[in-house]
Amino acid sequence: MTGLLYFDPYFWVTIPGILIAMWAQWRLSSSYSRYSRVGTARGFTGAQTARLILDRNGMANVEIYRVNGHLSDHYDPGRRAVFLSGDVFETSSVAAVGIAAHEVGHAIQHKTGYAWLGMRMAMVGLTGFSSKVSWFVILAGMILSNMNPRSSFGRTLLFGGIVLFGVTVAFQVITLPVEYDASSRAKKELERLGIIGSQERSAVASVLSAAALTYVAGMVTSILELLRLLLIFRGQRSNDDR
């Protein structure tokens, strides 16, 4: 496929994913900005919320740490620790308690042996490797195929890179139920322990739904990117076989 590296006829495939990702990020920023200014009736900070839920679920050994960055909150299964960004750790807003509870939701998943989280954890190493090398392999395959269209080595290399990229797509697909389940657990725990009142339920749900949409957008974007690569591979094979 001469000129492949200079013109991509399949770029249009990824446009819906780009638009969805932009919309999802805007919705998250908008929802977080709105509800980070709304306090909860009980006045729990994110750190206090996380500590209470952990303790009430028999996880007093799980530590909570403050980390830098905006919305850098996460749960580390390897260290069995919850990491909360400064805004979430220190403030008592609806957004803060919702995000903190969500991260603790992952800790509860870990404790209870939630299958999807187990699969996600098992794929971390392979996904890290594939995300680092897949595009180098893909580009190398494209270059070699253009330099020598009659050789199958370039096409084989390109296909190998696509397979590696497919690993990252599978990882994102598996991540989606993990995130939605963590949000579901978070809302249940917040209500069960009385951390939020009935009037705050919809606000917490709004923040967590907006956050989950970013994972949906990431998955859709990756799937469409994989489709684009497969179309490139198919087009290259068709042209090279002529």
Protein backbone atom coordinates (compact mmCIF):
# COMPACT_ATOMS: atom_id res chain seq x y z
CA MET A 1 0.00 0.00 0.00
CA THR A 2 2.15 2.81 -1.29
CA GLY A 3 1.89 6.02 0.67
CA LEU A 4 0.39 4.30 3.71
CA LEU A 5 2.65 6.19 6.08
CA TYR A 6 1.62 9.53 4.58
CA PHE A 7 -2.11 9.02 4.11
CA ASP A 8 -4.46 6.88 6.16
CA PRO A 9 -7.72 6.21 4.31
CA TYR A 10 -9.23 4.58 7.39
CA PHE A 11 -8.74 7.42 9.87
CA TRP A 12 -12.47 8.15 9.71
CA VAL A 13 -13.14 4.92 11.63
CA THR A 14 -11.64 6.41 14.81
CA ILE A 15 -13.54 9.72 14.69
CA PRO A 16 -16.60 8.52 16.69
CA GLY A 17 -14.28 7.26 19.43
CA ILE A 18 -12.46 10.59 19.58
CA LEU A 19 -15.76 12.47 19.89
CA ILE A 20 -17.08 10.12 22.58
CA ALA A 21 -13.82 10.47 24.54
CA MET A 22 -14.03 14.27 24.38
CA TRP A 23 -17.64 14.22 25.55
CA ALA A 24 -16.90 11.78 28.38
CA GLN A 25 -13.97 13.89 29.61
CA TRP A 26 -16.10 17.04 29.48
CA ARG A 27 -18.87 15.36 31.45
CA LEU A 28 -16.44 14.11 34.10
CA SER A 29 -14.82 17.53 34.47
CA SER A 30 -18.21 19.23 34.62
CA SER A 31 -19.67 16.80 37.16
CA TYR A 32 -16.57 16.81 39.35
CA SER A 33 -16.31 20.60 39.27
CA ARG A 34 -19.95 20.96 40.25
CA TYR A 35 -20.07 18.46 43.08
CA SER A 36 -16.61 19.20 44.46
CA ARG A 37 -18.20 22.42 45.73
CA VAL A 38 -21.14 20.65 47.38
CA GLY A 39 -20.52 19.38 50.90
CA THR A 40 -22.11 16.33 52.51
CA ALA A 41 -24.42 16.51 55.49
CA ARG A 42 -22.18 14.28 57.62
CA GLY A 43 -19.02 16.20 56.71
CA PHE A 44 -16.79 13.18 56.08
CA THR A 45 -13.63 13.83 54.04
CA GLY A 46 -12.57 11.40 51.34
CA ALA A 47 -9.92 9.91 53.62
CA GLN A 48 -12.38 9.48 56.48
CA THR A 49 -14.88 7.89 54.13
CA ALA A 50 -12.34 5.42 52.81
CA ARG A 51 -11.15 4.54 56.33
CA LEU A 52 -14.67 3.94 57.63
CA ILE A 53 -15.69 1.69 54.73
CA LEU A 54 -12.45 -0.28 54.93
CA ASP A 55 -12.74 -0.80 58.69
CA ARG A 56 -16.39 -1.82 58.50
CA ASN A 57 -15.50 -4.41 55.85
CA GLY A 58 -12.70 -5.97 57.88
CA MET A 59 -9.85 -4.31 56.04
CA ALA A 60 -8.14 -2.32 58.77
CA ASN A 61 -4.81 -3.47 57.31
CA VAL A 62 -5.42 -1.58 54.04
CA GLU A 63 -3.61 1.76 54.21
CA ILE A 64 -4.70 5.07 52.70
CA TYR A 65 -2.17 7.44 51.17
CA ARG A 66 -2.36 10.95 49.78
CA VAL A 67 -0.88 11.36 46.29
CA ASN A 68 -0.27 14.29 43.99
CA GLY A 69 -2.21 14.93 40.82
CA HIS A 70 -5.78 15.70 39.80
CA LEU A 71 -8.13 12.68 39.85
CA SER A 72 -5.11 10.42 40.34
CA ASP A 73 -7.04 8.27 42.80
CA HIS A 74 -6.57 4.49 42.56
CA TYR A 75 -6.32 1.22 44.44
CA ASP A 76 -3.07 -0.74 44.22
CA PRO A 77 -3.74 -4.50 44.59
CA GLY A 78 -0.03 -5.23 44.93
CA ARG A 79 0.42 -2.94 47.90
CA ARG A 80 -3.16 -3.41 49.10
CA ALA A 81 -3.47 0.33 49.57
CA VAL A 82 -5.84 3.11 48.53
CA PHE A 83 -4.29 6.25 47.02
CA LEU A 84 -6.32 9.46 47.03
CA SER A 85 -5.51 12.77 45.36
CA GLY A 86 -5.26 15.82 47.58
CA ASP A 87 -8.69 17.21 46.70
CA VAL A 88 -10.35 13.90 47.48
CA PHE A 89 -8.26 13.10 50.56
CA GLU A 90 -8.82 16.37 52.37
CA THR A 91 -12.26 17.66 51.37
CA SER A 92 -15.75 16.66 52.45
CA SER A 93 -17.51 17.22 49.15
CA VAL A 94 -19.96 14.86 47.48
CA ALA A 95 -17.42 14.27 44.71
CA ALA A 96 -14.67 13.43 47.21
CA VAL A 97 -16.62 10.85 49.19
CA GLY A 98 -17.96 9.27 45.98
CA ILE A 99 -14.50 8.85 44.46
CA ALA A 100 -12.98 7.64 47.72
CA ALA A 101 -15.73 5.05 48.13
CA HIS A 102 -15.22 3.92 44.54
CA GLU A 103 -11.54 3.19 45.15
CA VAL A 104 -12.41 1.29 48.31
CA GLY A 105 -14.87 -0.62 46.16
CA HIS A 106 -11.85 -2.06 44.34
CA ALA A 107 -10.34 -3.09 47.67
CA ILE A 108 -13.57 -4.91 48.54
CA GLN A 109 -13.45 -6.63 45.14
CA HIS A 110 -9.93 -7.77 45.91
CA LYS A 111 -10.90 -9.13 49.30
CA THR A 112 -13.94 -11.01 48.01
CA GLY A 113 -12.12 -12.44 44.98
CA TYR A 114 -14.19 -10.65 42.34
CA ALA A 115 -13.49 -12.61 39.14
CA TRP A 116 -13.23 -9.68 36.73
CA LEU A 117 -10.70 -7.94 38.96
CA GLY A 118 -8.71 -11.17 39.12
CA MET A 119 -8.59 -11.36 35.33
CA ARG A 120 -7.58 -7.71 35.13
CA MET A 121 -4.77 -8.21 37.64
CA ALA A 122 -3.55 -11.28 35.74
CA MET A 123 -3.30 -9.24 32.53
CA VAL A 124 -1.42 -6.25 33.96
CA GLY A 125 2.09 -7.50 33.11
CA LEU A 126 1.23 -8.61 29.58
CA THR A 127 -0.74 -5.44 28.93
CA GLY A 128 2.14 -3.27 30.09
CA PHE A 129 4.49 -5.05 27.69
CA SER A 130 2.10 -4.97 24.74
CA SER A 131 1.27 -1.28 25.20
CA LYS A 132 4.98 -0.41 25.08
CA VAL A 133 5.96 -2.45 22.03
CA SER A 134 2.81 -2.86 19.91
CA TRP A 135 3.12 0.42 18.01
CA PHE A 136 6.83 -0.07 17.34
CA VAL A 137 6.02 -3.48 15.83
CA ILE A 138 3.09 -2.07 13.84
CA LEU A 139 5.15 0.79 12.39
CA ALA A 140 8.02 -1.54 11.58
CA GLY A 141 5.61 -3.85 9.77
CA MET A 142 4.17 -0.96 7.76
CA ILE A 143 7.62 0.32 6.76
CA LEU A 144 8.91 -3.10 5.72
CA SER A 145 5.74 -3.85 3.75
CA ASN A 146 6.13 -0.60 1.84
CA MET A 147 9.81 -1.18 1.18
CA ASN A 148 9.28 -4.72 -0.11
CA PRO A 149 5.64 -5.44 -0.99
CA ARG A 150 6.48 -8.93 -2.23
CA SER A 151 7.87 -10.03 1.11
CA SER A 152 5.44 -11.46 3.65
CA PHE A 153 7.68 -10.58 6.60
CA GLY A 154 6.40 -7.02 6.87
CA ARG A 155 2.78 -8.14 6.82
CA THR A 156 3.50 -10.80 9.44
CA LEU A 157 5.16 -8.20 11.64
CA LEU A 158 2.22 -5.84 11.18
CA PHE A 159 -0.24 -8.56 12.16
CA GLY A 160 1.86 -9.42 15.21
CA GLY A 161 1.71 -5.78 16.31
CA ILE A 162 -2.05 -5.76 15.84
CA VAL A 163 -2.34 -8.85 18.04
CA LEU A 164 -0.28 -7.12 20.73
CA PHE A 165 -2.51 -4.07 20.51
CA GLY A 166 -5.49 -6.39 20.82
CA VAL A 167 -4.22 -7.35 24.28
CA THR A 168 -4.63 -3.77 25.46
CA VAL A 169 -8.12 -3.68 23.97
CA ALA A 170 -9.05 -6.86 25.85
CA PHE A 171 -7.68 -5.29 29.04
CA GLN A 172 -9.95 -2.28 28.62
CA VAL A 173 -12.96 -4.48 27.94
CA ILE A 174 -12.29 -6.40 31.18
CA THR A 175 -11.76 -3.14 33.06
CA LEU A 176 -15.27 -1.90 32.29
CA PRO A 177 -17.25 -4.32 34.53
CA VAL A 178 -14.61 -3.86 37.23
CA GLU A 179 -15.23 -0.11 37.31
CA TYR A 180 -19.02 -0.32 37.21
CA ASP A 181 -19.05 -2.91 39.97
CA ALA A 182 -16.77 -0.76 42.15
CA SER A 183 -19.16 2.18 41.71
CA SER A 184 -22.12 0.00 42.62
CA ARG A 185 -20.36 -1.18 45.78
CA ALA A 186 -19.40 2.40 46.62
CA LYS A 187 -22.98 3.66 46.49
CA LYS A 188 -24.22 0.77 48.63
CA GLU A 189 -21.53 1.31 51.27
CA LEU A 190 -22.08 5.06 51.41
CA GLU A 191 -25.78 4.56 52.08
CA ARG A 192 -25.36 1.54 54.37
CA LEU A 193 -22.96 3.41 56.65
CA GLY A 194 -24.92 6.66 56.53
CA ILE A 195 -22.04 8.64 55.03
CA ILE A 196 -24.45 10.29 52.59
CA GLY A 197 -28.11 11.13 52.96
CA SER A 198 -30.94 10.39 50.56
CA GLN A 199 -30.68 13.88 49.08
CA GLU A 200 -27.03 13.24 48.13
CA ARG A 201 -27.54 9.92 46.33
CA SER A 202 -28.18 11.39 42.91
CA ALA A 203 -25.14 13.68 43.17
CA VAL A 204 -22.83 10.77 44.02
CA ALA A 205 -24.38 8.70 41.24
CA SER A 206 -23.76 11.53 38.79
CA VAL A 207 -20.06 11.78 39.67
CA LEU A 208 -19.49 8.02 39.51
CA SER A 209 -21.44 7.64 36.27
CA ALA A 210 -19.39 10.40 34.66
CA ALA A 211 -16.17 8.71 35.79
CA ALA A 212 -17.33 5.35 34.42
CA LEU A 213 -18.10 6.93 31.05
CA THR A 214 -14.41 7.71 30.57
CA TYR A 215 -13.71 3.97 30.70
CA VAL A 216 -16.48 3.33 28.19
CA ALA A 217 -14.99 5.97 25.92
CA GLY A 218 -11.51 4.48 26.27
CA MET A 219 -12.81 1.04 25.38
CA VAL A 220 -14.75 2.27 22.34
CA THR A 221 -11.76 4.30 21.14
CA SER A 222 -9.44 1.27 21.42
CA ILE A 223 -11.89 -1.04 19.64
CA LEU A 224 -12.24 1.41 16.76
CA GLU A 225 -8.45 1.80 16.59
CA LEU A 226 -8.14 -1.99 16.39
CA LEU A 227 -10.70 -2.02 13.58
CA ARG A 228 -8.71 0.64 11.72
CA LEU A 229 -5.54 -1.43 11.99
CA LEU A 230 -7.31 -4.54 10.73
CA LEU A 231 -8.65 -2.58 7.76
CA ILE A 232 -5.12 -1.36 7.01
CA PHE A 233 -3.84 -4.93 7.20
CA ARG A 234 -6.58 -6.22 4.94
CA GLY A 235 -6.03 -3.42 2.44
CA GLN A 236 -2.32 -4.08 2.43
CA ARG A 237 -2.83 -7.75 1.74
CA SER A 238 -5.27 -6.98 -1.08
CA ASN A 239 -2.87 -4.57 -2.76
CA ASP A 240 0.18 -6.78 -2.29
CA ASP A 241 -1.59 -9.80 -3.76
CA ARG A 242 -2.32 -7.98 -7.02
